[in-house]
Amino acid sequence: MNWTQIEGKWDQMKGAIHSQWGKLTDDDLAVVRGKRQQLVGKIVERYGTAKEEAEQQIDAWLSKLDRQPASDASTTRS
């Protein structure tokens, strides 16, 4: 799954994103609105990680989604 797909399915993906990064609030996800760099910034803000680490976390999460059956992608739990 690429970021364009995430962005296009943002409302469906918010649950999976919240499961992955539980410190992100609904307000945070509303601000992000599917924009990858906004998500990076919110992860940095909430978790105190470096920007590069947040980007790596997102890449790892995307890879994990690619390994799941398509029907499970929007309900990922970590």
C-alpha atoms as a PDB file:
ATOM      1  CA  MET A   1       0.000   0.000   0.000  1.00  0.00           C
ATOM      2  CA  ASN A   2       1.393   3.392  -0.886  1.00  0.00           C
ATOM      3  CA  TRP A   3       0.731   6.722   0.758  1.00  0.00           C
ATOM      4  CA  THR A   4      -1.622   7.867  -2.007  1.00  0.00           C
ATOM      5  CA  GLN A   5      -3.870   4.932  -1.119  1.00  0.00           C
ATOM      6  CA  ILE A   6      -3.688   5.795   2.589  1.00  0.00           C
ATOM      7  CA  GLU A   7      -4.564   9.393   1.831  1.00  0.00           C
ATOM      8  CA  GLY A   8      -7.510   8.337  -0.318  1.00  0.00           C
ATOM      9  CA  LYS A   9      -8.850   6.038   2.407  1.00  0.00           C
ATOM     10  CA  TRP A  10      -7.973   8.343   5.298  1.00  0.00           C
ATOM     11  CA  ASP A  11     -11.256   8.010   7.160  1.00  0.00           C
ATOM     12  CA  GLN A  12     -11.059   4.212   7.005  1.00  0.00           C
ATOM     13  CA  MET A  13      -7.366   4.170   7.967  1.00  0.00           C
ATOM     14  CA  LYS A  14      -7.606   6.420  11.025  1.00  0.00           C
ATOM     15  CA  GLY A  15      -8.439   3.477  13.277  1.00  0.00           C
ATOM     16  CA  ALA A  16      -5.400   1.533  12.135  1.00  0.00           C
ATOM     17  CA  ILE A  17      -3.192   4.600  12.551  1.00  0.00           C
ATOM     18  CA  HIS A  18      -4.568   5.232  16.014  1.00  0.00           C
ATOM     19  CA  SER A  19      -3.892   1.588  16.896  1.00  0.00           C
ATOM     20  CA  GLN A  20      -0.285   1.939  15.755  1.00  0.00           C
ATOM     21  CA  TRP A  21       0.315   5.310  17.404  1.00  0.00           C
ATOM     22  CA  GLY A  22      -2.043   5.400  20.374  1.00  0.00           C
ATOM     23  CA  LYS A  23      -0.856   8.771  21.639  1.00  0.00           C
ATOM     24  CA  LEU A  24      -2.271  10.461  18.559  1.00  0.00           C
ATOM     25  CA  THR A  25      -5.645  12.008  19.289  1.00  0.00           C
ATOM     26  CA  ASP A  26      -8.658  12.254  17.022  1.00  0.00           C
ATOM     27  CA  ASP A  27      -7.850  15.957  16.742  1.00  0.00           C
ATOM     28  CA  ASP A  28      -4.299  15.096  15.635  1.00  0.00           C
ATOM     29  CA  LEU A  29      -5.644  12.814  12.920  1.00  0.00           C
ATOM     30  CA  ALA A  30      -8.131  15.463  11.830  1.00  0.00           C
ATOM     31  CA  VAL A  31      -5.239  17.915  11.406  1.00  0.00           C
ATOM     32  CA  VAL A  32      -3.150  15.359   9.490  1.00  0.00           C
ATOM     33  CA  ARG A  33      -5.978  14.754   6.959  1.00  0.00           C
ATOM     34  CA  GLY A  34      -3.962  12.061   5.193  1.00  0.00           C
ATOM     35  CA  LYS A  35      -0.800  14.117   4.687  1.00  0.00           C
ATOM     36  CA  ARG A  36       2.292  12.036   5.407  1.00  0.00           C
ATOM     37  CA  GLN A  37       4.506  14.914   6.552  1.00  0.00           C
ATOM     38  CA  GLN A  38       1.773  16.100   8.911  1.00  0.00           C
ATOM     39  CA  LEU A  39       1.659  12.581  10.393  1.00  0.00           C
ATOM     40  CA  VAL A  40       5.436  12.583  10.756  1.00  0.00           C
ATOM     41  CA  GLY A  41       5.199  15.880  12.621  1.00  0.00           C
ATOM     42  CA  LYS A  42       2.484  14.609  14.957  1.00  0.00           C
ATOM     43  CA  ILE A  43       4.468  11.443  15.752  1.00  0.00           C
ATOM     44  CA  VAL A  44       7.531  13.580  16.507  1.00  0.00           C
ATOM     45  CA  GLU A  45       5.420  15.868  18.697  1.00  0.00           C
ATOM     46  CA  ARG A  46       3.610  13.148  20.662  1.00  0.00           C
ATOM     47  CA  TYR A  47       6.421  10.614  20.991  1.00  0.00           C
ATOM     48  CA  GLY A  48       9.496  12.856  21.048  1.00  0.00           C
ATOM     49  CA  THR A  49      11.198  10.865  18.313  1.00  0.00           C
ATOM     50  CA  ALA A  50      13.440  12.242  15.613  1.00  0.00           C
ATOM     51  CA  LYS A  51      11.850  12.998  12.254  1.00  0.00           C
ATOM     52  CA  GLU A  52      13.847  10.193  10.615  1.00  0.00           C
ATOM     53  CA  GLU A  53      12.625   7.704  13.238  1.00  0.00           C
ATOM     54  CA  ALA A  54       9.002   8.736  12.669  1.00  0.00           C
ATOM     55  CA  GLU A  55       9.467   8.283   8.912  1.00  0.00           C
ATOM     56  CA  GLN A  56      10.971   4.831   9.484  1.00  0.00           C
ATOM     57  CA  GLN A  57       8.025   3.887  11.708  1.00  0.00           C
ATOM     58  CA  ILE A  58       5.590   4.927   8.990  1.00  0.00           C
ATOM     59  CA  ASP A  59       7.532   2.970   6.349  1.00  0.00           C
ATOM     60  CA  ALA A  60       7.539  -0.125   8.595  1.00  0.00           C
ATOM     61  CA  TRP A  61       3.801   0.258   9.193  1.00  0.00           C
ATOM     62  CA  LEU A  62       3.154   0.543   5.447  1.00  0.00           C
ATOM     63  CA  SER A  63       5.217  -2.611   4.839  1.00  0.00           C
ATOM     64  CA  LYS A  64       3.180  -4.394   7.482  1.00  0.00           C
ATOM     65  CA  LEU A  65      -0.023  -3.363   5.701  1.00  0.00           C
ATOM     66  CA  ASP A  66       1.355  -4.764   2.439  1.00  0.00           C
ATOM     67  CA  ARG A  67       1.781  -8.177   4.067  1.00  0.00           C
ATOM     68  CA  GLN A  68      -1.860  -8.322   5.202  1.00  0.00           C
ATOM     69  CA  PRO A  69      -4.873  -9.450   3.226  1.00  0.00           C
ATOM     70  CA  ALA A  70      -6.581  -6.407   1.684  1.00  0.00           C
ATOM     71  CA  SER A  71      -9.707  -6.844   3.803  1.00  0.00           C
ATOM     72  CA  ASP A  72      -7.687  -6.519   7.035  1.00  0.00           C
ATOM     73  CA  ALA A  73      -5.615  -3.454   6.100  1.00  0.00           C
ATOM     74  CA  SER A  74      -7.915  -0.866   7.618  1.00  0.00           C
ATOM     75  CA  THR A  75      -8.242  -2.753  10.914  1.00  0.00           C
ATOM     76  CA  THR A  76      -4.584  -3.289  11.718  1.00  0.00           C
ATOM     77  CA  ARG A  77      -3.860  -3.829  15.386  1.00  0.00           C
ATOM     78  CA  SER A  78      -0.406  -3.672  16.934  1.00  0.00           C
END
